[in-house]
N, C-alpha and C. Protein backbone atom coordinates (compact mmCIF):
# COMPACT_ATOMS: atom_id res chain seq x y z
N UNK A 1 -26.00 -63.18 -81.72
CA UNK A 1 -26.92 -63.20 -80.60
C UNK A 1 -26.13 -63.56 -79.34
N UNK A 2 -26.22 -62.74 -78.27
CA UNK A 2 -25.46 -63.01 -77.06
C UNK A 2 -25.99 -64.26 -76.36
N UNK A 3 -25.06 -64.99 -75.77
CA UNK A 3 -25.43 -66.20 -75.04
C UNK A 3 -25.74 -65.84 -73.59
N UNK A 4 -26.81 -66.38 -73.03
CA UNK A 4 -27.11 -66.10 -71.63
C UNK A 4 -26.12 -66.80 -70.72
N UNK A 5 -25.79 -66.14 -69.66
CA UNK A 5 -24.91 -66.74 -68.66
C UNK A 5 -25.63 -67.87 -67.96
N UNK A 6 -24.95 -68.93 -67.65
CA UNK A 6 -25.62 -69.98 -66.88
C UNK A 6 -26.04 -69.42 -65.51
N UNK A 7 -27.13 -69.96 -64.97
CA UNK A 7 -27.68 -69.47 -63.70
C UNK A 7 -26.65 -69.55 -62.59
N UNK A 8 -25.85 -70.60 -62.55
CA UNK A 8 -24.85 -70.74 -61.50
C UNK A 8 -23.85 -69.59 -61.55
N UNK A 9 -23.43 -69.20 -62.72
CA UNK A 9 -22.49 -68.09 -62.84
C UNK A 9 -23.12 -66.79 -62.34
N UNK A 10 -24.39 -66.58 -62.61
CA UNK A 10 -25.08 -65.38 -62.15
C UNK A 10 -25.15 -65.38 -60.62
N UNK A 11 -25.48 -66.52 -60.04
CA UNK A 11 -25.55 -66.60 -58.60
C UNK A 11 -24.21 -66.35 -57.94
N UNK A 12 -23.15 -66.80 -58.55
CA UNK A 12 -21.82 -66.59 -57.99
C UNK A 12 -21.40 -65.13 -58.07
N UNK A 13 -21.92 -64.41 -59.02
CA UNK A 13 -21.57 -63.01 -59.17
C UNK A 13 -22.37 -62.09 -58.26
N UNK A 14 -23.50 -62.57 -57.73
CA UNK A 14 -24.31 -61.75 -56.83
C UNK A 14 -23.65 -61.66 -55.47
N UNK A 15 -23.72 -60.50 -54.83
CA UNK A 15 -23.14 -60.40 -53.49
C UNK A 15 -23.92 -61.27 -52.52
N UNK A 16 -23.20 -61.95 -51.63
CA UNK A 16 -23.88 -62.81 -50.67
C UNK A 16 -24.31 -61.97 -49.46
N UNK A 17 -25.48 -62.28 -48.91
CA UNK A 17 -25.92 -61.52 -47.74
C UNK A 17 -25.06 -61.88 -46.53
N UNK A 18 -24.88 -60.92 -45.66
CA UNK A 18 -24.10 -61.15 -44.45
C UNK A 18 -24.88 -62.09 -43.53
N UNK A 19 -24.19 -63.04 -42.96
CA UNK A 19 -24.80 -63.98 -42.05
C UNK A 19 -24.32 -63.64 -40.65
N UNK A 20 -25.26 -63.42 -39.74
CA UNK A 20 -24.89 -63.07 -38.37
C UNK A 20 -24.29 -64.29 -37.68
N UNK A 21 -23.19 -64.08 -37.01
CA UNK A 21 -22.53 -65.14 -36.25
C UNK A 21 -23.22 -65.28 -34.90
N UNK A 22 -23.46 -66.49 -34.48
CA UNK A 22 -24.07 -66.72 -33.18
C UNK A 22 -23.10 -66.36 -32.07
N UNK A 23 -23.62 -65.75 -31.02
CA UNK A 23 -22.79 -65.43 -29.86
C UNK A 23 -22.51 -66.72 -29.11
N UNK A 24 -21.24 -66.96 -28.81
CA UNK A 24 -20.84 -68.18 -28.12
C UNK A 24 -20.59 -67.95 -26.64
N UNK A 25 -20.36 -66.71 -26.25
CA UNK A 25 -20.10 -66.42 -24.85
C UNK A 25 -20.10 -64.94 -24.57
N UNK A 26 -19.97 -64.62 -23.31
CA UNK A 26 -19.92 -63.24 -22.84
C UNK A 26 -18.83 -63.10 -21.80
N UNK A 27 -18.51 -61.87 -21.50
CA UNK A 27 -17.56 -61.59 -20.41
C UNK A 27 -18.01 -60.32 -19.71
N UNK A 28 -18.22 -60.43 -18.40
CA UNK A 28 -18.52 -59.26 -17.59
C UNK A 28 -17.20 -58.61 -17.22
N UNK A 29 -17.07 -57.33 -17.52
CA UNK A 29 -15.85 -56.59 -17.19
C UNK A 29 -16.20 -55.51 -16.16
N UNK A 30 -15.38 -55.42 -15.13
CA UNK A 30 -15.59 -54.42 -14.08
C UNK A 30 -14.41 -53.45 -14.10
N UNK A 31 -14.74 -52.16 -14.15
CA UNK A 31 -13.74 -51.09 -14.22
C UNK A 31 -13.90 -50.14 -13.04
N UNK A 32 -12.80 -49.56 -12.62
CA UNK A 32 -12.88 -48.37 -11.78
C UNK A 32 -13.40 -47.26 -12.70
N UNK A 33 -14.17 -46.30 -12.19
CA UNK A 33 -14.73 -45.27 -13.07
C UNK A 33 -13.66 -44.58 -13.93
N UNK A 34 -13.88 -44.61 -15.24
CA UNK A 34 -12.98 -43.96 -16.18
C UNK A 34 -11.70 -44.71 -16.50
N UNK A 35 -11.47 -45.87 -15.89
CA UNK A 35 -10.23 -46.62 -16.13
C UNK A 35 -10.22 -47.22 -17.53
N UNK A 36 -9.03 -47.35 -18.09
CA UNK A 36 -8.89 -47.91 -19.43
C UNK A 36 -8.93 -49.44 -19.43
N UNK A 37 -8.43 -50.04 -18.36
CA UNK A 37 -8.36 -51.50 -18.28
C UNK A 37 -9.29 -52.02 -17.19
N UNK A 38 -9.95 -53.16 -17.43
CA UNK A 38 -10.82 -53.71 -16.39
C UNK A 38 -9.98 -54.22 -15.22
N UNK A 39 -10.54 -54.12 -14.01
CA UNK A 39 -9.83 -54.66 -12.86
C UNK A 39 -10.22 -56.10 -12.62
N UNK A 40 -11.33 -56.55 -13.23
CA UNK A 40 -11.68 -57.97 -13.19
C UNK A 40 -12.55 -58.31 -14.39
N UNK A 41 -12.48 -59.58 -14.78
CA UNK A 41 -13.31 -60.08 -15.88
C UNK A 41 -13.89 -61.43 -15.45
N UNK A 42 -15.12 -61.68 -15.88
CA UNK A 42 -15.78 -62.95 -15.57
C UNK A 42 -16.42 -63.47 -16.85
N UNK A 43 -15.82 -64.49 -17.47
CA UNK A 43 -16.43 -65.07 -18.66
C UNK A 43 -17.58 -66.01 -18.29
N UNK A 44 -18.58 -66.11 -19.18
CA UNK A 44 -19.66 -67.07 -19.00
C UNK A 44 -20.22 -67.45 -20.37
N UNK A 45 -20.73 -68.69 -20.50
CA UNK A 45 -21.21 -69.15 -21.80
C UNK A 45 -22.56 -68.54 -22.16
N UNK A 46 -22.84 -68.46 -23.43
CA UNK A 46 -24.12 -67.93 -23.90
C UNK A 46 -25.28 -68.80 -23.39
N UNK A 47 -25.03 -70.06 -23.13
CA UNK A 47 -26.08 -70.95 -22.63
C UNK A 47 -26.52 -70.59 -21.22
N UNK A 48 -25.75 -69.78 -20.50
CA UNK A 48 -26.11 -69.37 -19.14
C UNK A 48 -27.04 -68.16 -19.14
N UNK A 49 -27.32 -67.62 -20.31
CA UNK A 49 -28.14 -66.41 -20.45
C UNK A 49 -29.59 -66.78 -20.73
N UNK A 50 -30.51 -66.07 -20.10
CA UNK A 50 -31.94 -66.25 -20.36
C UNK A 50 -32.45 -65.04 -21.13
N UNK A 51 -32.83 -65.27 -22.37
CA UNK A 51 -33.39 -64.18 -23.19
C UNK A 51 -34.90 -64.33 -23.26
N UNK A 52 -35.54 -63.40 -23.98
CA UNK A 52 -36.99 -63.34 -24.11
C UNK A 52 -37.65 -63.15 -22.75
N UNK A 53 -37.02 -62.33 -21.90
CA UNK A 53 -37.54 -62.04 -20.57
C UNK A 53 -38.27 -60.69 -20.60
N UNK A 54 -39.29 -60.52 -19.73
CA UNK A 54 -39.94 -59.21 -19.66
C UNK A 54 -38.96 -58.15 -19.21
N UNK A 55 -39.21 -56.92 -19.59
CA UNK A 55 -38.32 -55.83 -19.21
C UNK A 55 -38.27 -55.68 -17.69
N UNK A 56 -37.05 -55.52 -17.19
CA UNK A 56 -36.83 -55.36 -15.76
C UNK A 56 -37.19 -53.94 -15.37
N UNK A 57 -37.91 -53.78 -14.28
CA UNK A 57 -38.37 -52.44 -13.89
C UNK A 57 -37.53 -51.80 -12.80
N UNK A 58 -36.72 -52.58 -12.07
CA UNK A 58 -35.92 -52.00 -11.01
C UNK A 58 -34.80 -51.14 -11.58
N UNK A 59 -34.42 -50.13 -10.85
CA UNK A 59 -33.29 -49.29 -11.24
C UNK A 59 -32.19 -49.32 -10.19
N UNK A 60 -32.31 -50.20 -9.20
CA UNK A 60 -31.33 -50.30 -8.12
C UNK A 60 -30.02 -50.88 -8.66
N UNK A 61 -28.94 -50.13 -8.52
CA UNK A 61 -27.63 -50.58 -9.00
C UNK A 61 -26.65 -50.81 -7.85
N UNK A 62 -27.15 -50.95 -6.63
CA UNK A 62 -26.30 -51.23 -5.48
C UNK A 62 -26.21 -52.74 -5.27
N UNK A 63 -24.99 -53.25 -5.17
CA UNK A 63 -24.74 -54.69 -5.00
C UNK A 63 -25.53 -55.53 -6.01
N UNK A 64 -25.28 -55.33 -7.30
CA UNK A 64 -26.06 -56.04 -8.32
C UNK A 64 -25.82 -57.56 -8.26
N UNK A 65 -26.85 -58.31 -8.70
CA UNK A 65 -26.76 -59.77 -8.77
C UNK A 65 -27.02 -60.30 -10.18
N UNK A 66 -27.24 -59.40 -11.12
CA UNK A 66 -27.50 -59.83 -12.50
C UNK A 66 -27.10 -58.75 -13.48
N UNK A 67 -26.89 -59.18 -14.71
CA UNK A 67 -26.61 -58.28 -15.83
C UNK A 67 -27.82 -58.39 -16.76
N UNK A 68 -28.35 -57.24 -17.17
CA UNK A 68 -29.55 -57.19 -18.01
C UNK A 68 -29.24 -56.36 -19.25
N UNK A 69 -29.63 -56.86 -20.42
CA UNK A 69 -29.43 -56.10 -21.65
C UNK A 69 -30.56 -56.39 -22.63
N UNK A 70 -30.69 -55.55 -23.65
CA UNK A 70 -31.73 -55.66 -24.66
C UNK A 70 -31.58 -56.97 -25.44
N UNK A 71 -32.66 -57.71 -25.55
CA UNK A 71 -32.66 -58.94 -26.34
C UNK A 71 -32.49 -58.57 -27.81
N UNK A 72 -31.42 -59.03 -28.46
CA UNK A 72 -31.21 -58.64 -29.85
C UNK A 72 -32.20 -59.28 -30.82
N UNK A 73 -32.88 -60.33 -30.39
CA UNK A 73 -33.79 -61.04 -31.29
C UNK A 73 -35.24 -60.62 -31.15
N UNK A 74 -35.61 -60.06 -29.97
CA UNK A 74 -37.02 -59.75 -29.72
C UNK A 74 -37.19 -58.34 -29.17
N UNK A 75 -37.89 -57.52 -29.91
CA UNK A 75 -38.13 -56.15 -29.50
C UNK A 75 -38.94 -56.11 -28.20
N UNK A 76 -38.54 -55.25 -27.27
CA UNK A 76 -39.25 -55.09 -26.02
C UNK A 76 -38.94 -56.15 -24.98
N UNK A 77 -38.02 -57.05 -25.26
CA UNK A 77 -37.65 -58.11 -24.33
C UNK A 77 -36.18 -57.93 -23.93
N UNK A 78 -35.77 -58.64 -22.89
CA UNK A 78 -34.40 -58.50 -22.39
C UNK A 78 -33.75 -59.85 -22.16
N UNK A 79 -32.42 -59.83 -22.11
CA UNK A 79 -31.62 -60.99 -21.74
C UNK A 79 -31.07 -60.74 -20.35
N UNK A 80 -30.94 -61.81 -19.56
CA UNK A 80 -30.48 -61.69 -18.18
C UNK A 80 -29.49 -62.80 -17.87
N UNK A 81 -28.39 -62.41 -17.25
CA UNK A 81 -27.45 -63.37 -16.68
C UNK A 81 -27.40 -63.09 -15.18
N UNK A 82 -27.73 -64.08 -14.37
CA UNK A 82 -27.74 -63.93 -12.93
C UNK A 82 -26.49 -64.57 -12.35
N UNK A 83 -25.74 -63.78 -11.59
CA UNK A 83 -24.55 -64.34 -10.95
C UNK A 83 -24.72 -64.47 -9.45
N UNK A 84 -25.88 -64.07 -8.94
CA UNK A 84 -26.24 -64.30 -7.55
C UNK A 84 -25.25 -63.75 -6.54
N UNK A 85 -25.12 -64.44 -5.42
CA UNK A 85 -24.27 -63.98 -4.33
C UNK A 85 -22.80 -64.27 -4.52
N UNK A 86 -22.45 -65.10 -5.47
CA UNK A 86 -21.04 -65.42 -5.69
C UNK A 86 -20.46 -64.59 -6.82
N UNK A 87 -19.23 -64.87 -7.15
CA UNK A 87 -18.61 -64.22 -8.29
C UNK A 87 -17.87 -62.94 -7.96
N UNK A 88 -17.66 -62.14 -8.99
CA UNK A 88 -16.76 -61.00 -8.90
C UNK A 88 -17.32 -59.84 -8.07
N UNK A 89 -18.59 -59.53 -8.14
CA UNK A 89 -19.13 -58.35 -7.48
C UNK A 89 -18.98 -58.43 -5.96
N UNK A 90 -19.37 -59.53 -5.30
CA UNK A 90 -19.22 -59.57 -3.84
C UNK A 90 -17.77 -59.51 -3.36
N UNK A 91 -16.83 -59.85 -4.22
CA UNK A 91 -15.43 -59.82 -3.81
C UNK A 91 -14.80 -58.43 -3.94
N UNK A 92 -15.51 -57.48 -4.52
CA UNK A 92 -14.99 -56.12 -4.68
C UNK A 92 -15.08 -55.35 -3.36
N UNK A 93 -14.10 -54.48 -3.09
CA UNK A 93 -14.26 -53.60 -1.93
C UNK A 93 -15.37 -52.58 -2.18
N UNK A 94 -15.88 -52.00 -1.12
CA UNK A 94 -16.92 -50.97 -1.28
C UNK A 94 -16.42 -49.86 -2.19
N UNK A 95 -17.32 -49.35 -3.02
CA UNK A 95 -16.95 -48.25 -3.90
C UNK A 95 -17.82 -48.19 -5.13
N UNK A 96 -17.52 -47.23 -5.99
CA UNK A 96 -18.22 -47.03 -7.25
C UNK A 96 -17.44 -47.73 -8.36
N UNK A 97 -18.17 -48.36 -9.28
CA UNK A 97 -17.57 -49.10 -10.38
C UNK A 97 -18.37 -48.89 -11.65
N UNK A 98 -17.82 -49.39 -12.75
CA UNK A 98 -18.52 -49.44 -14.03
C UNK A 98 -18.43 -50.87 -14.54
N UNK A 99 -19.54 -51.36 -15.08
CA UNK A 99 -19.55 -52.70 -15.66
C UNK A 99 -19.82 -52.61 -17.14
N UNK A 100 -19.23 -53.53 -17.89
CA UNK A 100 -19.47 -53.62 -19.33
C UNK A 100 -19.60 -55.09 -19.69
N UNK A 101 -20.32 -55.36 -20.76
CA UNK A 101 -20.53 -56.72 -21.22
C UNK A 101 -19.87 -56.88 -22.58
N UNK A 102 -19.05 -57.90 -22.69
CA UNK A 102 -18.38 -58.22 -23.94
C UNK A 102 -19.11 -59.41 -24.56
N UNK A 103 -19.60 -59.26 -25.79
CA UNK A 103 -20.22 -60.36 -26.53
C UNK A 103 -19.15 -60.98 -27.42
N UNK A 104 -19.09 -62.32 -27.46
CA UNK A 104 -18.02 -63.02 -28.17
C UNK A 104 -18.63 -64.01 -29.16
N UNK A 105 -18.10 -64.02 -30.39
CA UNK A 105 -18.44 -65.07 -31.35
C UNK A 105 -17.18 -65.45 -32.11
N UNK A 106 -17.32 -66.32 -33.10
CA UNK A 106 -16.14 -66.81 -33.83
C UNK A 106 -15.42 -65.71 -34.60
N UNK A 107 -16.11 -64.61 -34.90
CA UNK A 107 -15.50 -63.52 -35.66
C UNK A 107 -14.76 -62.52 -34.78
N UNK A 108 -15.00 -62.54 -33.46
CA UNK A 108 -14.35 -61.58 -32.58
C UNK A 108 -15.24 -61.24 -31.40
N UNK A 109 -15.15 -59.98 -30.96
CA UNK A 109 -15.93 -59.55 -29.80
C UNK A 109 -16.22 -58.06 -29.88
N UNK A 110 -17.22 -57.65 -29.11
CA UNK A 110 -17.59 -56.24 -29.03
C UNK A 110 -18.04 -55.94 -27.62
N UNK A 111 -17.57 -54.80 -27.07
CA UNK A 111 -17.90 -54.42 -25.70
C UNK A 111 -19.03 -53.40 -25.68
N UNK A 112 -19.94 -53.57 -24.74
CA UNK A 112 -21.06 -52.64 -24.57
C UNK A 112 -20.57 -51.32 -23.96
N UNK A 113 -21.46 -50.37 -23.91
CA UNK A 113 -21.19 -49.15 -23.14
C UNK A 113 -21.14 -49.54 -21.67
N UNK A 114 -20.46 -48.76 -20.87
CA UNK A 114 -20.34 -49.05 -19.44
C UNK A 114 -21.56 -48.57 -18.66
N UNK A 115 -21.89 -49.32 -17.62
CA UNK A 115 -23.01 -48.98 -16.75
C UNK A 115 -22.49 -48.85 -15.32
N UNK A 116 -22.83 -47.76 -14.63
CA UNK A 116 -22.32 -47.57 -13.27
C UNK A 116 -23.06 -48.46 -12.27
N UNK A 117 -22.34 -48.87 -11.22
CA UNK A 117 -22.97 -49.56 -10.10
C UNK A 117 -22.14 -49.30 -8.85
N UNK A 118 -22.72 -49.64 -7.69
CA UNK A 118 -22.06 -49.40 -6.41
C UNK A 118 -21.98 -50.71 -5.65
N UNK A 119 -20.84 -50.95 -5.05
CA UNK A 119 -20.66 -52.12 -4.19
C UNK A 119 -20.54 -51.62 -2.75
N UNK A 120 -21.45 -52.07 -1.88
CA UNK A 120 -21.41 -51.72 -0.47
C UNK A 120 -21.19 -52.99 0.34
N UNK A 121 -20.27 -52.92 1.30
CA UNK A 121 -20.05 -54.06 2.18
C UNK A 121 -21.21 -54.24 3.13
N UNK A 122 -21.56 -55.47 3.34
CA UNK A 122 -22.57 -55.80 4.34
C UNK A 122 -21.86 -55.76 5.69
N UNK A 123 -22.49 -55.19 6.72
CA UNK A 123 -21.80 -55.11 8.01
C UNK A 123 -21.53 -56.51 8.57
N UNK A 124 -20.48 -56.62 9.34
CA UNK A 124 -20.16 -57.89 10.00
C UNK A 124 -21.22 -58.22 11.04
N UNK A 125 -21.51 -59.49 11.18
CA UNK A 125 -22.50 -59.92 12.17
C UNK A 125 -21.95 -59.69 13.57
N UNK A 126 -22.78 -59.22 14.48
CA UNK A 126 -22.32 -59.00 15.85
C UNK A 126 -21.93 -60.34 16.48
N UNK A 127 -20.88 -60.29 17.27
CA UNK A 127 -20.43 -61.49 17.96
C UNK A 127 -20.84 -61.46 19.41
N UNK A 128 -20.83 -62.61 20.06
CA UNK A 128 -21.12 -62.70 21.48
C UNK A 128 -22.52 -62.29 21.88
N UNK A 129 -23.47 -62.45 21.01
CA UNK A 129 -24.85 -62.06 21.32
C UNK A 129 -25.47 -63.06 22.28
N UNK A 130 -26.12 -62.53 23.29
CA UNK A 130 -26.85 -63.38 24.24
C UNK A 130 -28.18 -62.72 24.54
N UNK A 131 -29.16 -63.53 24.76
CA UNK A 131 -30.47 -63.04 25.20
C UNK A 131 -30.64 -63.53 26.62
N UNK A 132 -30.75 -62.60 27.58
CA UNK A 132 -30.72 -62.96 28.99
C UNK A 132 -31.99 -62.52 29.69
N UNK A 133 -32.14 -63.10 30.90
CA UNK A 133 -33.25 -62.69 31.76
C UNK A 133 -32.69 -62.16 33.05
C-alpha cells in the first residue's frame, strides 16, 4: 500500500504564485523625438503619486505640469504626479519632446511608451512700463 506524502512535502512541490513587487519609485524621462537616450531624467518616490483619481479629461500637452497614467489597481481610475512650475519641463528650450515614465521596484524597472508634448517659452515681461497722464 503506497504511503501518502506528508502535506508539507506536497505544498513544497506546488508552484508558488507570483507575488507582485510594490513600486518604490518612478522616473520621468524626457527625449528629443525619436532619440535613443533621454536628455533629462527626474526621479520621484512612489509616495509622491496620487492614485485612485478620476480620469483626466484634458488633452492639452503644451507646457505640461503633471504626468498621468492608468491606475494599475483600480479600473477606470488614474495615477497623477504633479511637478508644477518647477522641475525639468520649464527648464527645457521651446520645442517638441517625448516623455516616458519608468516604474521601479526591487526587481528592476520598466519604461512606458512615450507620449509627445510641447514646451513653449513664456514671453519675457515688458520692461520700463509706465502708466501716464
